[in-house]
Amino acid sequence: MARKRPKGVLSMGWAVIEAAAAGRTEHVPTSADYPDTVVRRLHFHAGAGLGWKISALTTPRAKTAPWKIVVVTGAPSWAEYWAPVLAALPQDREMIVVDRPGYAGSEPVEYVGDIHVQARALAPLLEARFGQKVLLVGQSYGAAIASLMAAENPRKVAGLVLLSGYFGESGPTARWLLDVGSRLLKIIPRDLRHAVMEVTNQPTQLDGMRAALARLRVPVHVVHGDKDDFAPIEIAERLVSETRTRRPMRFERVPGATHFMNEGPTEPLLQHIEACIPRPFVFKLPRIPGLPKLPSFGWFKPRAERQRQTAAPA
């Protein structure tokens, strides 16, 4: 019987303590919940010649999906908490969720506090198959890292989503956790220790993130819950209003959503992510009044419509 996945900040904290005590790097393994054909763990070498082995969860697909969704998680960085979302993903979408350097099954063991180094390490995630586009999602602390990744690899990213982004200012829950964690820094497990250190040292690095956002030519979507007590929505709104970008950022306020949207029902989160993927362009010949109707060319029609017409009985 599959174990219930811990939810909430305090439960996640207990999960990492339990995992450390058991000598595991995983937090409620997905192998107990989903078959390898649905959610699979893989490893790849970090970019920039760093020599680290990075762990991630992905959705195996026999056929190339038109869109690959790359998720850079927050702090602590655990891909395991995205497993239900991965499992619910439709077959025409592919997703990979990473354990960032210094967390879970990813190397190194040491703390990696520089978001520019992390962005370079995770750049291989942006590799796509022929004809495939990449939607890059940065969750919480991962939002700043994803912004740098998109700016440093402009031809590999078709869209950027800042999901529950953490931008240097904490809500009440985060402030309490940082205060307690900083006092217990020497005795708490590695993943929690690295999370406290990352969040504490992030504010001085955000100028680089803002500069990266200003350089982007791709659509940028900011999706944030109005009940987020970890990263206040007001900070995300301020980022959108104060950051000058080449094209306006789209801001979506999610009523009732907390900081960890991936912990709730999967369907609403998948809908928010899908809304960030542009609709395919369908060419239509102009209709000129007074002229006979122009012929319809099948190759301009959406695939689903062509299939329906082909399958229709004579």
Protein backbone atom coordinates (compact mmCIF):
# COMPACT_ATOMS: atom_id res chain seq x y z
CA MET A 1 0.00 0.00 0.00
CA ALA A 2 1.41 3.40 -1.00
CA ARG A 3 2.34 5.76 1.79
CA LYS A 4 0.57 9.08 2.12
CA ARG A 5 2.78 11.91 0.87
CA PRO A 6 3.45 14.53 3.59
CA LYS A 7 1.92 17.94 2.93
CA GLY A 8 2.64 21.36 4.37
CA VAL A 9 5.91 22.95 5.42
CA LEU A 10 6.10 21.30 8.84
CA SER A 11 5.26 17.86 7.43
CA MET A 12 7.92 18.30 4.76
CA GLY A 13 10.41 19.19 7.46
CA TRP A 14 9.56 16.04 9.36
CA ALA A 15 9.85 14.02 6.13
CA VAL A 16 13.44 15.10 5.59
CA ILE A 17 14.34 14.31 9.22
CA GLU A 18 12.78 10.85 8.84
CA ALA A 19 14.61 10.27 5.55
CA ALA A 20 17.95 11.32 7.05
CA ALA A 21 17.42 9.03 10.04
CA ALA A 22 16.71 6.11 7.66
CA GLY A 23 19.71 6.89 5.50
CA ARG A 24 17.58 7.64 2.42
CA THR A 25 17.92 10.50 -0.07
CA GLU A 26 14.33 10.08 -1.29
CA HIS A 27 11.26 11.42 0.48
CA VAL A 28 8.43 8.91 0.05
CA PRO A 29 9.75 7.18 -3.13
CA THR A 30 7.63 7.32 -6.26
CA SER A 31 8.52 3.73 -7.07
CA ALA A 32 6.02 2.71 -4.37
CA ASP A 33 3.25 4.74 -6.01
CA TYR A 34 3.73 4.67 -9.79
CA PRO A 35 5.13 2.19 -12.30
CA ASP A 36 8.37 2.97 -14.12
CA THR A 37 6.41 3.47 -17.34
CA VAL A 38 4.56 6.45 -15.80
CA VAL A 39 7.14 8.19 -13.60
CA ARG A 40 10.81 7.35 -13.96
CA ARG A 41 13.95 8.56 -12.21
CA LEU A 42 16.97 9.45 -14.28
CA HIS A 43 20.40 11.03 -13.80
CA PHE A 44 22.38 13.39 -16.00
CA HIS A 45 25.68 15.23 -15.80
CA ALA A 46 25.58 18.85 -14.71
CA GLY A 47 26.45 21.51 -17.27
CA ALA A 48 29.49 23.82 -17.35
CA GLY A 49 31.82 20.90 -16.69
CA LEU A 50 30.96 20.87 -12.99
CA GLY A 51 31.18 17.08 -12.82
CA TRP A 52 28.10 16.57 -10.67
CA LYS A 53 25.47 13.88 -11.21
CA ILE A 54 21.99 15.39 -11.06
CA SER A 55 18.83 13.44 -10.23
CA ALA A 56 15.39 14.09 -11.71
CA LEU A 57 11.97 12.54 -12.30
CA THR A 58 10.51 12.37 -15.79
CA THR A 59 7.55 11.10 -17.79
CA PRO A 60 8.62 8.40 -20.28
CA ARG A 61 7.06 8.91 -23.72
CA ALA A 62 7.27 6.52 -26.68
CA LYS A 63 6.43 9.40 -29.01
CA THR A 64 7.98 12.86 -28.90
CA ALA A 65 5.63 15.33 -27.22
CA PRO A 66 5.39 18.79 -28.83
CA TRP A 67 6.10 20.46 -25.48
CA LYS A 68 8.61 19.55 -22.79
CA ILE A 69 7.89 21.12 -19.39
CA VAL A 70 11.03 21.57 -17.28
CA VAL A 71 10.44 22.23 -13.56
CA VAL A 72 13.15 23.74 -11.33
CA THR A 73 11.99 23.12 -7.78
CA GLY A 74 12.30 25.29 -4.68
CA ALA A 75 13.96 24.80 -1.31
CA PRO A 76 14.16 22.06 -0.14
CA SER A 77 14.38 20.78 -3.71
CA TRP A 78 12.50 17.48 -3.95
CA ALA A 79 11.19 16.23 -7.26
CA GLU A 80 9.24 13.56 -5.37
CA TYR A 81 6.57 16.09 -4.41
CA TRP A 82 5.75 16.57 -8.10
CA ALA A 83 5.17 12.86 -8.73
CA PRO A 84 1.33 13.08 -8.75
CA VAL A 85 1.53 15.93 -11.28
CA LEU A 86 3.92 13.93 -13.46
CA ALA A 87 1.61 10.92 -13.36
CA ALA A 88 -1.44 13.01 -14.33
CA LEU A 89 0.27 14.70 -17.30
CA PRO A 90 -1.44 14.02 -20.66
CA GLN A 91 0.43 11.96 -23.22
CA ASP A 92 0.99 14.94 -25.53
CA ARG A 93 3.10 16.64 -22.88
CA GLU A 94 6.44 15.65 -21.37
CA MET A 95 7.74 16.82 -17.98
CA ILE A 96 11.00 16.60 -16.08
CA VAL A 97 11.36 17.78 -12.47
CA VAL A 98 14.82 18.14 -10.99
CA ASP A 99 16.41 17.74 -7.57
CA ARG A 100 18.67 20.80 -7.62
CA PRO A 101 22.39 20.54 -6.75
CA GLY A 102 22.90 19.75 -3.08
CA TYR A 103 19.49 18.11 -2.52
CA ALA A 104 18.02 14.61 -2.42
CA GLY A 105 19.80 12.36 -4.93
CA SER A 106 21.76 15.14 -6.65
CA GLU A 107 25.40 16.01 -6.17
CA PRO A 108 27.33 17.64 -4.65
CA VAL A 109 26.90 16.91 -0.98
CA GLU A 110 27.97 20.48 -0.22
CA TYR A 111 25.78 23.60 -0.31
CA VAL A 112 25.65 25.41 -3.67
CA GLY A 113 24.47 28.93 -2.89
CA ASP A 114 25.23 30.76 -6.13
CA ILE A 115 22.10 30.81 -8.32
CA HIS A 116 24.24 31.47 -11.43
CA VAL A 117 26.19 28.25 -10.79
CA GLN A 118 22.95 26.33 -10.31
CA ALA A 119 21.56 27.77 -13.55
CA ARG A 120 24.63 26.59 -15.47
CA ALA A 121 24.50 23.16 -13.78
CA LEU A 122 20.86 22.66 -14.80
CA ALA A 123 21.22 23.88 -18.39
CA PRO A 124 21.21 20.30 -19.83
CA LEU A 125 17.53 20.06 -18.80
CA LEU A 126 16.73 22.41 -21.69
CA GLU A 127 17.88 19.96 -24.37
CA ALA A 128 14.87 18.98 -26.48
CA ARG A 129 14.13 16.58 -29.31
CA PHE A 130 13.69 17.75 -32.88
CA GLY A 131 10.49 19.80 -33.23
CA GLN A 132 9.94 19.97 -29.45
CA LYS A 133 9.56 23.23 -27.53
CA VAL A 134 10.49 23.85 -23.89
CA LEU A 135 8.34 25.55 -21.26
CA LEU A 136 10.56 26.32 -18.26
CA VAL A 137 8.86 26.45 -14.84
CA GLY A 138 10.68 27.88 -11.82
CA GLN A 139 8.95 27.07 -8.53
CA SER A 140 9.55 29.18 -5.39
CA TYR A 141 13.34 29.59 -4.97
CA GLY A 142 13.72 27.93 -8.36
CA ALA A 143 12.03 30.90 -10.07
CA ALA A 144 15.18 33.05 -9.91
CA ILE A 145 17.32 30.15 -11.17
CA ALA A 146 14.91 29.45 -14.04
CA SER A 147 15.03 33.14 -15.04
CA LEU A 148 18.81 32.92 -15.38
CA MET A 149 18.56 29.64 -17.32
CA ALA A 150 16.13 31.20 -19.80
CA ALA A 151 18.31 34.28 -20.32
CA GLU A 152 21.49 32.25 -20.76
CA ASN A 153 19.84 29.82 -23.22
CA PRO A 154 17.50 32.07 -25.23
CA ARG A 155 17.13 29.73 -28.21
CA LYS A 156 16.20 26.73 -26.07
CA VAL A 157 13.30 28.19 -24.06
CA ALA A 158 9.93 29.06 -25.63
CA GLY A 159 8.28 30.30 -22.43
CA LEU A 160 9.02 30.92 -18.73
CA VAL A 161 6.67 30.40 -15.78
CA LEU A 162 7.46 31.79 -12.31
CA LEU A 163 5.27 29.62 -10.08
CA SER A 164 4.88 30.80 -6.46
CA GLY A 165 8.16 32.63 -6.96
CA TYR A 166 10.26 33.51 -3.92
CA PHE A 167 11.96 36.87 -4.44
CA GLY A 168 13.91 37.70 -1.29
CA GLU A 169 11.08 38.66 1.10
CA SER A 170 9.41 36.09 3.33
CA GLY A 171 5.90 35.69 4.59
CA PRO A 172 5.15 34.76 8.23
CA THR A 173 5.62 31.01 7.79
CA ALA A 174 8.95 31.38 6.00
CA ARG A 175 10.22 33.91 8.58
CA TRP A 176 9.43 31.52 11.42
CA LEU A 177 11.09 28.60 9.65
CA LEU A 178 14.21 30.62 8.84
CA ASP A 179 14.48 31.85 12.41
CA VAL A 180 14.19 28.35 13.88
CA GLY A 181 16.36 26.79 11.19
CA SER A 182 19.17 29.31 11.60
CA ARG A 183 19.36 28.51 15.32
CA LEU A 184 19.49 24.75 14.64
CA LEU A 185 21.68 24.96 11.54
CA LYS A 186 24.37 22.62 12.85
CA ILE A 187 22.02 19.79 13.83
CA ILE A 188 19.24 19.75 11.21
CA PRO A 189 19.56 17.38 8.19
CA ARG A 190 21.46 18.49 5.10
CA ASP A 191 18.44 19.32 2.90
CA LEU A 192 16.86 21.58 5.52
CA ARG A 193 20.21 23.19 6.29
CA HIS A 194 20.82 23.96 2.63
CA ALA A 195 17.29 25.37 2.26
CA VAL A 196 17.79 27.77 5.18
CA MET A 197 21.17 28.88 3.82
CA GLU A 198 19.83 29.37 0.28
CA VAL A 199 16.84 31.45 1.24
CA THR A 200 18.87 33.55 3.70
CA ASN A 201 21.51 34.38 1.09
CA GLN A 202 19.23 34.93 -1.91
CA PRO A 203 18.37 38.69 -1.70
CA THR A 204 21.85 39.88 -2.71
CA GLN A 205 21.62 37.84 -5.94
CA LEU A 206 18.28 39.12 -7.24
CA ASP A 207 19.70 41.97 -9.32
CA GLY A 208 21.03 39.31 -11.68
CA MET A 209 17.57 37.75 -11.90
CA ARG A 210 15.93 41.09 -12.74
CA ALA A 211 18.55 41.77 -15.40
CA ALA A 212 17.87 38.32 -16.86
CA LEU A 213 14.13 38.96 -17.02
CA ALA A 214 14.74 42.27 -18.80
CA ARG A 215 16.66 40.46 -21.56
CA LEU A 216 14.07 37.80 -22.28
CA ARG A 217 12.14 37.86 -25.54
CA VAL A 218 9.90 34.87 -24.72
CA PRO A 219 6.57 35.13 -22.86
CA VAL A 220 6.94 35.27 -19.06
CA HIS A 221 4.02 34.14 -16.88
CA VAL A 222 3.85 34.82 -13.13
CA VAL A 223 1.42 32.45 -11.37
CA HIS A 224 0.90 33.03 -7.65
CA GLY A 225 -1.62 31.98 -4.99
CA ASP A 226 -3.31 34.71 -2.97
CA LYS A 227 -3.03 32.60 0.22
CA ASP A 228 0.74 32.18 -0.02
CA ASP A 229 2.15 32.79 3.47
CA PHE A 230 5.66 31.72 2.43
CA ALA A 231 6.29 34.07 -0.49
CA PRO A 232 3.70 36.90 -0.32
CA ILE A 233 1.82 37.61 -3.52
CA GLU A 234 2.47 41.33 -3.08
CA ILE A 235 6.19 40.75 -3.68
CA ALA A 236 5.44 38.97 -6.96
CA GLU A 237 3.11 41.79 -8.00
CA ARG A 238 5.82 44.32 -7.24
CA LEU A 239 8.33 42.38 -9.33
CA VAL A 240 5.97 42.48 -12.32
CA SER A 241 5.24 46.19 -11.96
CA GLU A 242 8.85 47.30 -11.38
CA THR A 243 10.75 45.07 -13.81
CA ARG A 244 11.09 46.48 -17.31
CA THR A 245 10.88 43.65 -19.83
CA ARG A 246 10.86 43.44 -23.63
CA ARG A 247 7.25 42.23 -23.50
CA PRO A 248 4.74 42.55 -20.62
CA MET A 249 4.75 39.74 -18.09
CA ARG A 250 1.42 38.02 -17.59
CA PHE A 251 0.32 37.89 -13.96
CA GLU A 252 -2.18 35.28 -12.78
CA ARG A 253 -3.59 35.43 -9.26
CA VAL A 254 -4.84 32.01 -8.13
CA PRO A 255 -7.64 32.41 -5.54
CA GLY A 256 -7.22 30.26 -2.43
CA ALA A 257 -3.89 28.75 -3.53
CA THR A 258 -1.02 28.41 -1.06
CA HIS A 259 2.72 28.34 -1.73
CA PHE A 260 2.85 24.65 -2.61
CA MET A 261 0.37 24.36 -5.47
CA ASN A 262 1.80 20.98 -6.46
CA GLU A 263 0.51 19.52 -3.18
CA GLY A 264 -3.13 20.12 -4.06
CA PRO A 265 -5.30 18.52 -6.77
CA THR A 266 -3.26 18.02 -9.93
CA GLU A 267 -5.87 19.18 -12.45
CA PRO A 268 -5.94 22.89 -11.48
CA LEU A 269 -2.12 23.13 -11.53
CA LEU A 270 -1.93 21.42 -14.92
CA GLN A 271 -4.55 23.85 -16.22
CA HIS A 272 -2.49 26.83 -15.02
CA ILE A 273 0.63 25.43 -16.70
CA GLU A 274 -1.25 24.59 -19.90
CA ALA A 275 -2.55 28.18 -20.05
CA CYS A 276 1.09 29.30 -20.42
CA ILE A 277 1.52 27.26 -23.62
CA PRO A 278 0.47 29.23 -26.72
CA ARG A 279 -2.26 27.81 -28.90
CA PRO A 280 -1.12 26.41 -32.27
CA PHE A 281 -1.56 28.79 -35.20
CA VAL A 282 -4.22 27.80 -37.72
CA PHE A 283 -4.01 29.52 -41.10
CA LYS A 284 -7.29 30.66 -42.62
CA LEU A 285 -7.66 32.16 -46.09
CA PRO A 286 -9.50 35.51 -46.07
CA ARG A 287 -13.19 35.61 -47.09
CA ILE A 288 -13.84 38.36 -49.65
CA PRO A 289 -17.50 39.52 -49.94
CA GLY A 290 -19.02 38.96 -53.36
CA LEU A 291 -16.60 36.23 -54.40
CA PRO A 292 -17.37 32.51 -54.35
CA LYS A 293 -16.16 30.58 -51.33
CA LEU A 294 -12.50 29.66 -51.61
CA PRO A 295 -11.51 25.99 -51.48
CA SER A 296 -10.49 24.56 -48.14
CA PHE A 297 -7.01 23.08 -47.97
CA GLY A 298 -6.76 20.06 -45.66
CA TRP A 299 -3.20 20.74 -44.59
CA PHE A 300 -4.30 24.03 -42.95
CA LYS A 301 -6.86 22.29 -40.78
CA PRO A 302 -6.12 21.19 -37.21
CA ARG A 303 -5.04 17.55 -37.00
CA ALA A 304 -8.08 16.54 -34.93
CA GLU A 305 -10.48 17.92 -37.58
CA ARG A 306 -8.68 16.10 -40.41
CA GLN A 307 -8.81 12.84 -38.45
CA ARG A 308 -12.56 13.23 -37.83
CA GLN A 309 -13.25 13.84 -41.52
CA THR A 310 -11.11 10.87 -42.55
CA ALA A 311 -12.86 8.57 -40.09
CA ALA A 312 -16.40 9.70 -41.04
CA PRO A 313 -18.45 6.96 -42.80
CA ALA A 314 -19.24 7.41 -46.48
